[in-house]
Amino acid sequence: MDESKIRVGIIGTGAVTQMGHIPAFKSISKAELIALCDNDEGKLKLLSKKHRIAKAYRDYEKLIDDKEIDAVVIATPNYLHLPMIEAACSAKKHILCEKPLARTAEEAKKICDVVNKAKIKFMLGLNNRFRPDVQILKKFIDGELGKIFYAKTGWLQREAFPEESSWKNLLASSGGGVLLNLGVHLLDEALWLLGCRKAKSVVGSAHFLTKKREVEDSAIALLNMEDDITLTIEVSWTLLFDKDFTFFNIFGNNGSALLNPLKIYKRMHGEIVNVTPHVEASKNAFKFSFLLQAEHFIESLRKGKDPIFRVEEGLEIARIIDAIYKSARKKKEIKID
């Protein structure tokens, strides 16, 4: 075993691990993926053999206690994040945890306290920040579009909601529905692009496919941000349409921009000019963003630096999500202290 490499174990072998985390960490020269953990023994054996990963655990505590492992990736259902993070912190393992950080802000606060006390490196898995088009847009927002006053974003899926048996449909295990599942990505991306400004209040609505469902299938939120910025978010996994689509539009007094695809316009010499730079198109943008995310995480550990995502950012997102759900229940604006 190469002692100069960061040795990684992944807990949870669902789709995001199979399509994102495993290929990413296997591709990094300074990392070595040495262990997988899942309670599905058949899947665990299949993936370990396919990817030539030496160790396979069914008990996450045994993986975390493995002294050869330096860092763990937690890619499990939301209700397992807190106990797994507590165990990893106790064992002084660095952590990359899939979104959302927790089911509630109260739970997220407990995670913050545990992580900060352990003094390990922690990173929340929100890969959209690493997309090349998002990186370019960030530069234009920071220096070219002027004072931002409005942004809107959405992720609308064509009737792709989880099966009834999925943990994502149970409030106790998931903490929420499409807002917590898809909306977290949009919220983080928007907050980061807007310079991490604070949300002052929210108005939200949540919609359920049937009265029997425990978590929402669609949600809409309006956020009043610092510096008089308005942000709207739309999410659904039951859209009655022929395709999925995502969007992010932002408007400033000197220009505007949108994603998917990236387009940037500025007022120049009295005219509206398309100033969109060339972005290399990639059919594997999803995998590429996971690769860049994993590279950033490994480099942060090797250099002893804090990763781009701080645990406190996960707490801030959780507080906003809690406020949106509260607004939807009470049908009124909720202020965020």
C-alpha atoms as a PDB file:
ATOM      1  CA  MET A   1       0.000   0.000   0.000  1.00  0.00           C
ATOM      2  CA  ASP A   2       1.317   3.449  -0.982  1.00  0.00           C
ATOM      3  CA  GLU A   3       1.623   5.403   2.279  1.00  0.00           C
ATOM      4  CA  SER A   4       1.759   8.731   0.389  1.00  0.00           C
ATOM      5  CA  LYS A   5      -1.827   8.353  -0.773  1.00  0.00           C
ATOM      6  CA  ILE A   6      -4.998   9.313   1.089  1.00  0.00           C
ATOM      7  CA  ARG A   7      -6.810   6.040   1.747  1.00  0.00           C
ATOM      8  CA  VAL A   8     -10.588   6.274   1.368  1.00  0.00           C
ATOM      9  CA  GLY A   9     -13.559   4.143   2.383  1.00  0.00           C
ATOM     10  CA  ILE A  10     -17.083   4.714   1.054  1.00  0.00           C
ATOM     11  CA  ILE A  11     -20.175   3.983   3.141  1.00  0.00           C
ATOM     12  CA  GLY A  12     -23.247   3.428   0.970  1.00  0.00           C
ATOM     13  CA  THR A  13     -23.147   2.012  -2.561  1.00  0.00           C
ATOM     14  CA  GLY A  14     -26.227   3.527  -4.185  1.00  0.00           C
ATOM     15  CA  ALA A  15     -26.426   5.251  -7.561  1.00  0.00           C
ATOM     16  CA  VAL A  16     -24.468   8.361  -6.538  1.00  0.00           C
ATOM     17  CA  THR A  17     -21.585   6.187  -5.319  1.00  0.00           C
ATOM     18  CA  GLN A  18     -21.626   3.931  -8.367  1.00  0.00           C
ATOM     19  CA  MET A  19     -21.833   6.740 -10.934  1.00  0.00           C
ATOM     20  CA  GLY A  20     -19.970   9.456  -9.045  1.00  0.00           C
ATOM     21  CA  HIS A  21     -17.774   8.611  -6.067  1.00  0.00           C
ATOM     22  CA  ILE A  22     -16.217   5.289  -7.122  1.00  0.00           C
ATOM     23  CA  PRO A  23     -15.079   6.439 -10.601  1.00  0.00           C
ATOM     24  CA  ALA A  24     -13.848   9.736  -9.140  1.00  0.00           C
ATOM     25  CA  PHE A  25     -11.693   8.338  -6.352  1.00  0.00           C
ATOM     26  CA  LYS A  26     -10.420   5.516  -8.548  1.00  0.00           C
ATOM     27  CA  SER A  27      -9.158   8.146 -11.015  1.00  0.00           C
ATOM     28  CA  ILE A  28      -7.111  10.208  -8.543  1.00  0.00           C
ATOM     29  CA  SER A  29      -3.421   9.325  -8.331  1.00  0.00           C
ATOM     30  CA  LYS A  30      -3.062  10.698  -4.794  1.00  0.00           C
ATOM     31  CA  ALA A  31      -6.016   8.700  -3.433  1.00  0.00           C
ATOM     32  CA  GLU A  32      -6.599   4.999  -2.938  1.00  0.00           C
ATOM     33  CA  LEU A  33     -10.119   3.617  -2.576  1.00  0.00           C
ATOM     34  CA  ILE A  34      -9.589   0.617  -0.320  1.00  0.00           C
ATOM     35  CA  ALA A  35     -13.010  -0.139   1.205  1.00  0.00           C
ATOM     36  CA  LEU A  36     -16.748  -0.163   0.560  1.00  0.00           C
ATOM     37  CA  CYS A  37     -19.595  -0.624   3.024  1.00  0.00           C
ATOM     38  CA  ASP A  38     -23.242  -1.531   2.437  1.00  0.00           C
ATOM     39  CA  ASN A  39     -25.821  -3.732   4.154  1.00  0.00           C
ATOM     40  CA  ASP A  40     -26.730  -5.272   0.771  1.00  0.00           C
ATOM     41  CA  GLU A  41     -24.215  -8.117   0.681  1.00  0.00           C
ATOM     42  CA  GLY A  42     -24.842  -9.061  -2.941  1.00  0.00           C
ATOM     43  CA  LYS A  43     -24.339  -5.541  -4.253  1.00  0.00           C
ATOM     44  CA  LEU A  44     -21.330  -5.061  -2.005  1.00  0.00           C
ATOM     45  CA  LYS A  45     -19.575  -8.162  -3.322  1.00  0.00           C
ATOM     46  CA  LEU A  46     -20.381  -7.298  -6.927  1.00  0.00           C
ATOM     47  CA  LEU A  47     -19.021  -3.738  -6.712  1.00  0.00           C
ATOM     48  CA  SER A  48     -15.944  -4.735  -4.710  1.00  0.00           C
ATOM     49  CA  LYS A  49     -15.032  -7.337  -7.325  1.00  0.00           C
ATOM     50  CA  LYS A  50     -15.869  -5.104 -10.312  1.00  0.00           C
ATOM     51  CA  HIS A  51     -13.735  -2.218  -9.070  1.00  0.00           C
ATOM     52  CA  ARG A  52     -11.043  -4.335  -7.377  1.00  0.00           C
ATOM     53  CA  ILE A  53     -11.607  -2.797  -3.971  1.00  0.00           C
ATOM     54  CA  ALA A  54      -9.860  -4.852  -1.332  1.00  0.00           C
ATOM     55  CA  LYS A  55     -12.163  -4.493   1.667  1.00  0.00           C
ATOM     56  CA  ALA A  56     -15.916  -4.963   1.946  1.00  0.00           C
ATOM     57  CA  TYR A  57     -17.824  -4.203   5.142  1.00  0.00           C
ATOM     58  CA  ARG A  58     -21.490  -4.626   6.029  1.00  0.00           C
ATOM     59  CA  ASP A  59     -21.048  -2.730   9.320  1.00  0.00           C
ATOM     60  CA  TYR A  60     -20.094   0.936   8.907  1.00  0.00           C
ATOM     61  CA  GLU A  61     -18.506   1.035  12.365  1.00  0.00           C
ATOM     62  CA  LYS A  62     -15.985  -1.602  11.304  1.00  0.00           C
ATOM     63  CA  LEU A  63     -15.042   0.409   8.235  1.00  0.00           C
ATOM     64  CA  ILE A  64     -14.631   3.541  10.332  1.00  0.00           C
ATOM     65  CA  ASP A  65     -12.514   1.645  12.872  1.00  0.00           C
ATOM     66  CA  ASP A  66     -10.195   0.389  10.112  1.00  0.00           C
ATOM     67  CA  LYS A  67      -6.861   2.046  10.957  1.00  0.00           C
ATOM     68  CA  GLU A  68      -5.701   1.957   7.331  1.00  0.00           C
ATOM     69  CA  ILE A  69      -8.494   4.355   6.279  1.00  0.00           C
ATOM     70  CA  ASP A  70      -7.773   8.090   6.423  1.00  0.00           C
ATOM     71  CA  ALA A  71     -11.095   9.479   5.130  1.00  0.00           C
ATOM     72  CA  VAL A  72     -14.658   8.285   4.648  1.00  0.00           C
ATOM     73  CA  VAL A  73     -17.349   9.179   2.162  1.00  0.00           C
ATOM     74  CA  ILE A  74     -20.827   9.000   3.679  1.00  0.00           C
ATOM     75  CA  ALA A  75     -23.376   8.365   0.922  1.00  0.00           C
ATOM     76  CA  THR A  76     -26.276   6.945   2.896  1.00  0.00           C
ATOM     77  CA  PRO A  77     -29.900   7.875   3.675  1.00  0.00           C
ATOM     78  CA  ASN A  78     -30.304  11.189   5.507  1.00  0.00           C
ATOM     79  CA  TYR A  79     -31.203   9.707   8.903  1.00  0.00           C
ATOM     80  CA  LEU A  80     -27.842   7.920   9.073  1.00  0.00           C
ATOM     81  CA  HIS A  81     -25.664  11.002   8.589  1.00  0.00           C
ATOM     82  CA  LEU A  82     -25.557  12.098  12.225  1.00  0.00           C
ATOM     83  CA  PRO A  83     -24.581   8.730  13.802  1.00  0.00           C
ATOM     84  CA  MET A  84     -22.060   8.004  11.047  1.00  0.00           C
ATOM     85  CA  ILE A  85     -20.460  11.449  11.313  1.00  0.00           C
ATOM     86  CA  GLU A  86     -20.281  11.061  15.100  1.00  0.00           C
ATOM     87  CA  ALA A  87     -18.524   7.712  14.674  1.00  0.00           C
ATOM     88  CA  ALA A  88     -16.116   9.041  12.055  1.00  0.00           C
ATOM     89  CA  CYS A  89     -15.260  12.080  14.183  1.00  0.00           C
ATOM     90  CA  SER A  90     -14.621   9.848  17.185  1.00  0.00           C
ATOM     91  CA  ALA A  91     -12.192   7.819  15.058  1.00  0.00           C
ATOM     92  CA  LYS A  92     -10.569  11.036  13.718  1.00  0.00           C
ATOM     93  CA  LYS A  93     -11.466  10.245  10.101  1.00  0.00           C
ATOM     94  CA  HIS A  94     -11.867  13.063   7.599  1.00  0.00           C
ATOM     95  CA  ILE A  95     -15.338  13.175   6.043  1.00  0.00           C
ATOM     96  CA  LEU A  96     -16.993  13.861   2.700  1.00  0.00           C
ATOM     97  CA  CYS A  97     -20.740  13.634   3.348  1.00  0.00           C
ATOM     98  CA  GLU A  98     -23.416  13.598   0.675  1.00  0.00           C
ATOM     99  CA  LYS A  99     -26.153  16.214   0.804  1.00  0.00           C
ATOM    100  CA  PRO A 100     -28.226  17.130   2.682  1.00  0.00           C
ATOM    101  CA  LEU A 101     -26.171  17.503   5.836  1.00  0.00           C
ATOM    102  CA  ALA A 102     -29.135  16.506   7.997  1.00  0.00           C
ATOM    103  CA  ARG A 103     -32.915  16.162   8.126  1.00  0.00           C
ATOM    104  CA  THR A 104     -33.397  19.305  10.213  1.00  0.00           C
ATOM    105  CA  ALA A 105     -31.481  22.361  11.378  1.00  0.00           C
ATOM    106  CA  GLU A 106     -31.447  20.957  14.910  1.00  0.00           C
ATOM    107  CA  GLU A 107     -29.735  17.817  13.656  1.00  0.00           C
ATOM    108  CA  ALA A 108     -27.363  19.883  11.508  1.00  0.00           C
ATOM    109  CA  LYS A 109     -26.341  21.922  14.562  1.00  0.00           C
ATOM    110  CA  LYS A 110     -25.400  18.721  16.404  1.00  0.00           C
ATOM    111  CA  ILE A 111     -23.248  17.705  13.431  1.00  0.00           C
ATOM    112  CA  CYS A 112     -21.541  21.117  13.402  1.00  0.00           C
ATOM    113  CA  ASP A 113     -20.679  20.818  17.077  1.00  0.00           C
ATOM    114  CA  VAL A 114     -19.312  17.284  16.678  1.00  0.00           C
ATOM    115  CA  VAL A 115     -17.213  18.157  13.607  1.00  0.00           C
ATOM    116  CA  ASN A 116     -15.745  21.329  15.110  1.00  0.00           C
ATOM    117  CA  LYS A 117     -14.889  19.583  18.352  1.00  0.00           C
ATOM    118  CA  ALA A 118     -13.144  16.722  16.524  1.00  0.00           C
ATOM    119  CA  LYS A 119     -11.056  19.137  14.429  1.00  0.00           C
ATOM    120  CA  ILE A 120     -11.138  16.903  11.373  1.00  0.00           C
ATOM    121  CA  LYS A 121     -11.574  18.065   7.774  1.00  0.00           C
ATOM    122  CA  PHE A 122     -15.207  17.978   6.684  1.00  0.00           C
ATOM    123  CA  MET A 123     -16.740  18.617   3.283  1.00  0.00           C
ATOM    124  CA  LEU A 124     -20.376  18.516   2.185  1.00  0.00           C
ATOM    125  CA  GLY A 125     -20.944  16.787  -1.148  1.00  0.00           C
ATOM    126  CA  LEU A 126     -22.530  19.420  -3.375  1.00  0.00           C
ATOM    127  CA  ASN A 127     -20.797  18.882  -6.697  1.00  0.00           C
ATOM    128  CA  ASN A 128     -22.547  21.611  -8.726  1.00  0.00           C
ATOM    129  CA  ARG A 129     -20.018  24.231  -7.624  1.00  0.00           C
ATOM    130  CA  PHE A 130     -17.357  22.302  -9.541  1.00  0.00           C
ATOM    131  CA  ARG A 131     -19.127  22.424 -12.911  1.00  0.00           C
ATOM    132  CA  PRO A 132     -17.050  24.488 -15.398  1.00  0.00           C
ATOM    133  CA  ASP A 133     -20.063  26.566 -16.493  1.00  0.00           C
ATOM    134  CA  VAL A 134     -20.919  27.395 -12.876  1.00  0.00           C
ATOM    135  CA  GLN A 135     -17.298  28.381 -12.199  1.00  0.00           C
ATOM    136  CA  ILE A 136     -17.342  30.755 -15.195  1.00  0.00           C
ATOM    137  CA  LEU A 137     -20.697  32.243 -14.196  1.00  0.00           C
ATOM    138  CA  LYS A 138     -19.357  32.906 -10.680  1.00  0.00           C
ATOM    139  CA  LYS A 139     -16.563  35.067 -12.129  1.00  0.00           C
ATOM    140  CA  PHE A 140     -19.027  37.136 -14.182  1.00  0.00           C
ATOM    141  CA  ILE A 141     -21.388  37.623 -11.238  1.00  0.00           C
ATOM    142  CA  ASP A 142     -18.524  38.787  -9.036  1.00  0.00           C
ATOM    143  CA  GLY A 143     -17.147  41.286 -11.521  1.00  0.00           C
ATOM    144  CA  GLU A 144     -19.293  41.960 -14.583  1.00  0.00           C
ATOM    145  CA  LEU A 145     -23.061  41.906 -14.051  1.00  0.00           C
ATOM    146  CA  GLY A 146     -23.263  44.802 -11.603  1.00  0.00           C
ATOM    147  CA  LYS A 147     -25.684  44.879  -8.668  1.00  0.00           C
ATOM    148  CA  ILE A 148     -27.716  41.682  -8.640  1.00  0.00           C
ATOM    149  CA  PHE A 149     -31.393  42.093  -7.785  1.00  0.00           C
ATOM    150  CA  TYR A 150     -33.088  38.833  -8.849  1.00  0.00           C
ATOM    151  CA  ALA A 151     -32.223  35.172  -9.363  1.00  0.00           C
ATOM    152  CA  LYS A 152     -34.409  32.166 -10.063  1.00  0.00           C
ATOM    153  CA  THR A 153     -33.579  28.492 -10.204  1.00  0.00           C
ATOM    154  CA  GLY A 154     -35.423  25.209 -10.668  1.00  0.00           C
ATOM    155  CA  TRP A 155     -35.058  21.462 -11.089  1.00  0.00           C
ATOM    156  CA  LEU A 156     -38.180  19.857 -12.500  1.00  0.00           C
ATOM    157  CA  GLN A 157     -38.227  16.114 -13.110  1.00  0.00           C
ATOM    158  CA  ARG A 158     -40.694  14.252 -15.266  1.00  0.00           C
ATOM    159  CA  GLU A 159     -42.582  11.912 -12.908  1.00  0.00           C
ATOM    160  CA  ALA A 160     -39.361  10.454 -11.551  1.00  0.00           C
ATOM    161  CA  PHE A 161     -40.328  10.438  -7.877  1.00  0.00           C
ATOM    162  CA  PRO A 162     -38.988   7.536  -5.775  1.00  0.00           C
ATOM    163  CA  GLU A 163     -40.853   4.261  -5.481  1.00  0.00           C
ATOM    164  CA  GLU A 164     -43.252   3.975  -2.551  1.00  0.00           C
ATOM    165  CA  SER A 165     -40.839   1.627  -0.763  1.00  0.00           C
ATOM    166  CA  SER A 166     -37.956   4.107  -0.916  1.00  0.00           C
ATOM    167  CA  TRP A 167     -36.640   5.721   2.278  1.00  0.00           C
ATOM    168  CA  LYS A 168     -36.977   9.041   0.433  1.00  0.00           C
ATOM    169  CA  ASN A 169     -40.761   8.801   0.739  1.00  0.00           C
ATOM    170  CA  LEU A 170     -40.742   8.382   4.527  1.00  0.00           C
ATOM    171  CA  LEU A 171     -40.568  11.551   6.618  1.00  0.00           C
ATOM    172  CA  ALA A 172     -38.739   9.867   9.498  1.00  0.00           C
ATOM    173  CA  SER A 173     -35.854   8.668   7.310  1.00  0.00           C
ATOM    174  CA  SER A 174     -35.660  11.463   4.735  1.00  0.00           C
ATOM    175  CA  GLY A 175     -36.734  14.548   6.688  1.00  0.00           C
ATOM    176  CA  GLY A 176     -38.513  15.912   3.612  1.00  0.00           C
ATOM    177  CA  GLY A 177     -39.249  15.335  -0.044  1.00  0.00           C
ATOM    178  CA  VAL A 178     -38.111  16.928  -3.271  1.00  0.00           C
ATOM    179  CA  LEU A 179     -37.058  20.183  -1.586  1.00  0.00           C
ATOM    180  CA  LEU A 180     -34.578  18.374   0.645  1.00  0.00           C
ATOM    181  CA  ASN A 181     -33.523  15.973  -2.123  1.00  0.00           C
ATOM    182  CA  LEU A 182     -33.132  18.242  -5.157  1.00  0.00           C
ATOM    183  CA  GLY A 183     -33.662  21.711  -3.723  1.00  0.00           C
ATOM    184  CA  VAL A 184     -30.532  21.544  -1.565  1.00  0.00           C
ATOM    185  CA  HIS A 185     -28.361  21.480  -4.717  1.00  0.00           C
ATOM    186  CA  LEU A 186     -30.151  24.506  -6.145  1.00  0.00           C
ATOM    187  CA  LEU A 187     -30.094  26.429  -2.897  1.00  0.00           C
ATOM    188  CA  ASP A 188     -26.380  25.871  -2.345  1.00  0.00           C
ATOM    189  CA  GLU A 189     -25.517  26.792  -5.928  1.00  0.00           C
ATOM    190  CA  ALA A 190     -27.609  29.960  -5.743  1.00  0.00           C
ATOM    191  CA  LEU A 191     -26.260  31.058  -2.354  1.00  0.00           C
ATOM    192  CA  TRP A 192     -22.675  30.523  -3.497  1.00  0.00           C
ATOM    193  CA  LEU A 193     -23.172  32.366  -6.776  1.00  0.00           C
ATOM    194  CA  LEU A 194     -24.788  35.224  -4.846  1.00  0.00           C
ATOM    195  CA  GLY A 195     -21.739  35.580  -2.619  1.00  0.00           C
ATOM    196  CA  CYS A 196     -23.112  33.586   0.337  1.00  0.00           C
ATOM    197  CA  ARG A 197     -25.521  36.372   1.272  1.00  0.00           C
ATOM    198  CA  LYS A 198     -27.941  35.564   4.064  1.00  0.00           C
ATOM    199  CA  ALA A 199     -31.633  34.836   3.582  1.00  0.00           C
ATOM    200  CA  LYS A 200     -33.748  37.172   5.746  1.00  0.00           C
ATOM    201  CA  SER A 201     -37.184  35.596   5.219  1.00  0.00           C
ATOM    202  CA  VAL A 202     -38.947  32.986   3.084  1.00  0.00           C
ATOM    203  CA  VAL A 203     -42.374  32.241   1.680  1.00  0.00           C
ATOM    204  CA  GLY A 204     -42.844  28.612   0.675  1.00  0.00           C
ATOM    205  CA  SER A 205     -45.444  26.183  -0.576  1.00  0.00           C
ATOM    206  CA  ALA A 206     -45.342  22.385  -0.695  1.00  0.00           C
ATOM    207  CA  HIS A 207     -47.557  20.119  -2.800  1.00  0.00           C
ATOM    208  CA  PHE A 208     -48.319  16.424  -2.399  1.00  0.00           C
ATOM    209  CA  LEU A 209     -49.274  14.003  -5.161  1.00  0.00           C
ATOM    210  CA  THR A 210     -51.756  12.259  -2.858  1.00  0.00           C
ATOM    211  CA  LYS A 211     -52.964  12.850   0.681  1.00  0.00           C
ATOM    212  CA  LYS A 212     -51.306   9.599   1.766  1.00  0.00           C
ATOM    213  CA  ARG A 213     -47.789  10.747   0.874  1.00  0.00           C
ATOM    214  CA  GLU A 214     -45.597  11.813   3.805  1.00  0.00           C
ATOM    215  CA  VAL A 215     -43.246  14.092   1.839  1.00  0.00           C
ATOM    216  CA  GLU A 216     -43.842  16.730  -0.810  1.00  0.00           C
ATOM    217  CA  ASP A 217     -43.516  16.039  -4.543  1.00  0.00           C
ATOM    218  CA  SER A 218     -43.255  19.707  -5.562  1.00  0.00           C
ATOM    219  CA  ALA A 219     -42.215  22.871  -3.746  1.00  0.00           C
ATOM    220  CA  ILE A 220     -41.823  26.560  -4.525  1.00  0.00           C
ATOM    221  CA  ALA A 221     -40.011  29.119  -2.391  1.00  0.00           C
ATOM    222  CA  LEU A 222     -39.341  32.852  -2.513  1.00  0.00           C
ATOM    223  CA  LEU A 223     -36.380  34.060  -0.477  1.00  0.00           C
ATOM    224  CA  ASN A 224     -35.740  37.668   0.514  1.00  0.00           C
ATOM    225  CA  MET A 225     -31.956  37.997   0.634  1.00  0.00           C
ATOM    226  CA  GLU A 226     -29.523  40.583   1.919  1.00  0.00           C
ATOM    227  CA  ASP A 227     -28.855  43.588  -0.354  1.00  0.00           C
ATOM    228  CA  ASP A 228     -32.443  43.533  -1.650  1.00  0.00           C
ATOM    229  CA  ILE A 229     -31.962  40.380  -3.733  1.00  0.00           C
ATOM    230  CA  THR A 230     -34.947  38.141  -4.429  1.00  0.00           C
ATOM    231  CA  LEU A 231     -34.377  34.427  -5.085  1.00  0.00           C
ATOM    232  CA  THR A 232     -37.011  31.912  -6.203  1.00  0.00           C
ATOM    233  CA  ILE A 233     -36.663  28.119  -6.226  1.00  0.00           C
ATOM    234  CA  GLU A 234     -38.898  25.569  -7.966  1.00  0.00           C
ATOM    235  CA  VAL A 235     -38.536  21.802  -7.551  1.00  0.00           C
ATOM    236  CA  SER A 236     -40.631  18.808  -8.552  1.00  0.00           C
ATOM    237  CA  TRP A 237     -40.245  15.127  -9.304  1.00  0.00           C
ATOM    238  CA  THR A 238     -43.803  14.706 -10.638  1.00  0.00           C
ATOM    239  CA  LEU A 239     -43.801  17.169 -13.526  1.00  0.00           C
ATOM    240  CA  LEU A 240     -46.389  16.308 -16.202  1.00  0.00           C
ATOM    241  CA  PHE A 241     -44.094  17.074 -19.090  1.00  0.00           C
ATOM    242  CA  ASP A 242     -42.115  15.225 -21.751  1.00  0.00           C
ATOM    243  CA  LYS A 243     -38.659  15.897 -20.278  1.00  0.00           C
ATOM    244  CA  ASP A 244     -36.714  17.058 -17.227  1.00  0.00           C
ATOM    245  CA  PHE A 245     -35.206  20.518 -17.100  1.00  0.00           C
ATOM    246  CA  THR A 246     -33.100  22.644 -14.803  1.00  0.00           C
ATOM    247  CA  PHE A 247     -32.398  26.347 -14.901  1.00  0.00           C
ATOM    248  CA  PHE A 248     -30.625  29.195 -13.153  1.00  0.00           C
ATOM    249  CA  ASN A 249     -31.237  32.790 -14.279  1.00  0.00           C
ATOM    250  CA  ILE A 250     -29.671  35.851 -12.684  1.00  0.00           C
ATOM    251  CA  PHE A 251     -30.278  39.541 -13.338  1.00  0.00           C
ATOM    252  CA  GLY A 252     -28.100  42.568 -12.524  1.00  0.00           C
ATOM    253  CA  ASN A 253     -28.112  46.225 -13.507  1.00  0.00           C
ATOM    254  CA  ASN A 254     -25.201  45.684 -15.935  1.00  0.00           C
ATOM    255  CA  GLY A 255     -26.110  42.277 -17.332  1.00  0.00           C
ATOM    256  CA  SER A 256     -27.853  38.945 -16.962  1.00  0.00           C
ATOM    257  CA  ALA A 257     -27.024  35.271 -17.331  1.00  0.00           C
ATOM    258  CA  LEU A 258     -28.507  31.793 -17.354  1.00  0.00           C
ATOM    259  CA  LEU A 259     -27.342  28.198 -17.095  1.00  0.00           C
ATOM    260  CA  ASN A 260     -28.234  25.081 -19.077  1.00  0.00           C
ATOM    261  CA  PRO A 261     -26.857  26.240 -21.431  1.00  0.00           C
ATOM    262  CA  LEU A 262     -24.609  29.039 -20.192  1.00  0.00           C
ATOM    263  CA  LYS A 263     -25.468  32.426 -21.718  1.00  0.00           C
ATOM    264  CA  ILE A 264     -24.231  35.810 -20.508  1.00  0.00           C
ATOM    265  CA  TYR A 265     -25.389  39.231 -21.714  1.00  0.00           C
ATOM    266  CA  LYS A 266     -24.042  42.688 -20.863  1.00  0.00           C
ATOM    267  CA  ARG A 267     -24.945  46.251 -21.709  1.00  0.00           C
ATOM    268  CA  MET A 268     -22.039  47.600 -23.757  1.00  0.00           C
ATOM    269  CA  HIS A 269     -21.904  50.847 -25.750  1.00  0.00           C
ATOM    270  CA  GLY A 270     -25.662  51.186 -25.469  1.00  0.00           C
ATOM    271  CA  GLU A 271     -26.319  47.696 -26.811  1.00  0.00           C
ATOM    272  CA  ILE A 272     -27.164  44.297 -25.252  1.00  0.00           C
ATOM    273  CA  VAL A 273     -24.213  42.089 -26.187  1.00  0.00           C
ATOM    274  CA  ASN A 274     -23.795  38.313 -25.893  1.00  0.00           C
ATOM    275  CA  VAL A 275     -20.466  37.877 -24.062  1.00  0.00           C
ATOM    276  CA  THR A 276     -20.740  34.141 -23.348  1.00  0.00           C
ATOM    277  CA  PRO A 277     -17.270  32.544 -23.291  1.00  0.00           C
ATOM    278  CA  HIS A 278     -16.668  29.167 -24.871  1.00  0.00           C
ATOM    279  CA  VAL A 279     -17.281  26.254 -22.517  1.00  0.00           C
ATOM    280  CA  GLU A 280     -16.086  22.828 -23.536  1.00  0.00           C
ATOM    281  CA  ALA A 281     -19.227  20.701 -23.740  1.00  0.00           C
ATOM    282  CA  SER A 282     -19.063  17.402 -21.892  1.00  0.00           C
ATOM    283  CA  LYS A 283     -21.433  14.484 -22.144  1.00  0.00           C
ATOM    284  CA  ASN A 284     -20.127  13.370 -18.754  1.00  0.00           C
ATOM    285  CA  ALA A 285     -20.551  16.644 -16.849  1.00  0.00           C
ATOM    286  CA  PHE A 286     -21.973  14.731 -13.865  1.00  0.00           C
ATOM    287  CA  LYS A 287     -18.936  12.456 -13.558  1.00  0.00           C
ATOM    288  CA  PHE A 288     -16.553  15.337 -14.241  1.00  0.00           C
ATOM    289  CA  SER A 289     -18.006  17.410 -11.408  1.00  0.00           C
ATOM    290  CA  PHE A 290     -17.585  14.456  -9.045  1.00  0.00           C
ATOM    291  CA  LEU A 291     -13.984  14.036 -10.165  1.00  0.00           C
ATOM    292  CA  LEU A 292     -13.210  17.704  -9.468  1.00  0.00           C
ATOM    293  CA  GLN A 293     -14.999  17.454  -6.124  1.00  0.00           C
ATOM    294  CA  ALA A 294     -12.974  14.390  -5.108  1.00  0.00           C
ATOM    295  CA  GLU A 295      -9.724  16.016  -6.269  1.00  0.00           C
ATOM    296  CA  HIS A 296     -10.482  19.101  -4.186  1.00  0.00           C
ATOM    297  CA  PHE A 297     -11.252  16.975  -1.127  1.00  0.00           C
ATOM    298  CA  ILE A 298      -8.046  14.934  -1.445  1.00  0.00           C
ATOM    299  CA  GLU A 299      -5.876  18.009  -2.067  1.00  0.00           C
ATOM    300  CA  SER A 300      -7.402  19.720   0.973  1.00  0.00           C
ATOM    301  CA  LEU A 301      -6.426  16.746   3.135  1.00  0.00           C
ATOM    302  CA  ARG A 302      -2.917  16.510   1.677  1.00  0.00           C
ATOM    303  CA  LYS A 303      -2.247  20.219   2.197  1.00  0.00           C
ATOM    304  CA  GLY A 304      -4.039  20.496   5.529  1.00  0.00           C
ATOM    305  CA  LYS A 305      -6.457  23.124   4.214  1.00  0.00           C
ATOM    306  CA  ASP A 306     -10.195  23.465   4.803  1.00  0.00           C
ATOM    307  CA  PRO A 307     -12.302  22.279   1.840  1.00  0.00           C
ATOM    308  CA  ILE A 308     -14.524  24.702  -0.099  1.00  0.00           C
ATOM    309  CA  PHE A 309     -17.656  23.511   1.739  1.00  0.00           C
ATOM    310  CA  ARG A 310     -17.701  24.193   5.467  1.00  0.00           C
ATOM    311  CA  VAL A 311     -20.017  22.298   7.778  1.00  0.00           C
ATOM    312  CA  GLU A 312     -21.579  25.646   8.804  1.00  0.00           C
ATOM    313  CA  GLU A 313     -22.816  26.091   5.226  1.00  0.00           C
ATOM    314  CA  GLY A 314     -24.753  22.849   5.572  1.00  0.00           C
ATOM    315  CA  LEU A 315     -26.302  24.221   8.753  1.00  0.00           C
ATOM    316  CA  GLU A 316     -27.298  27.471   7.013  1.00  0.00           C
ATOM    317  CA  ILE A 317     -28.968  25.520   4.203  1.00  0.00           C
ATOM    318  CA  ALA A 318     -30.808  23.379   6.772  1.00  0.00           C
ATOM    319  CA  ARG A 319     -32.099  26.491   8.547  1.00  0.00           C
ATOM    320  CA  ILE A 320     -33.454  27.878   5.273  1.00  0.00           C
ATOM    321  CA  ILE A 321     -35.066  24.553   4.336  1.00  0.00           C
ATOM    322  CA  ASP A 322     -36.690  24.340   7.783  1.00  0.00           C
ATOM    323  CA  ALA A 323     -38.082  27.852   7.318  1.00  0.00           C
ATOM    324  CA  ILE A 324     -39.525  26.981   3.885  1.00  0.00           C
ATOM    325  CA  TYR A 325     -41.288  23.931   5.308  1.00  0.00           C
ATOM    326  CA  LYS A 326     -42.597  25.993   8.220  1.00  0.00           C
ATOM    327  CA  SER A 327     -43.873  28.657   5.820  1.00  0.00           C
ATOM    328  CA  ALA A 328     -45.635  25.992   3.745  1.00  0.00           C
ATOM    329  CA  ARG A 329     -47.335  24.571   6.844  1.00  0.00           C
ATOM    330  CA  LYS A 330     -48.363  27.892   8.344  1.00  0.00           C
ATOM    331  CA  LYS A 331     -49.055  29.561   4.969  1.00  0.00           C
ATOM    332  CA  LYS A 332     -47.217  32.751   5.877  1.00  0.00           C
ATOM    333  CA  GLU A 333     -43.823  34.443   5.593  1.00  0.00           C
ATOM    334  CA  ILE A 334     -41.202  33.156   8.015  1.00  0.00           C
ATOM    335  CA  LYS A 335     -38.310  35.325   9.149  1.00  0.00           C
ATOM    336  CA  ILE A 336     -34.865  33.749   9.524  1.00  0.00           C
ATOM    337  CA  ASP A 337     -32.936  35.013  12.554  1.00  0.00           C
END
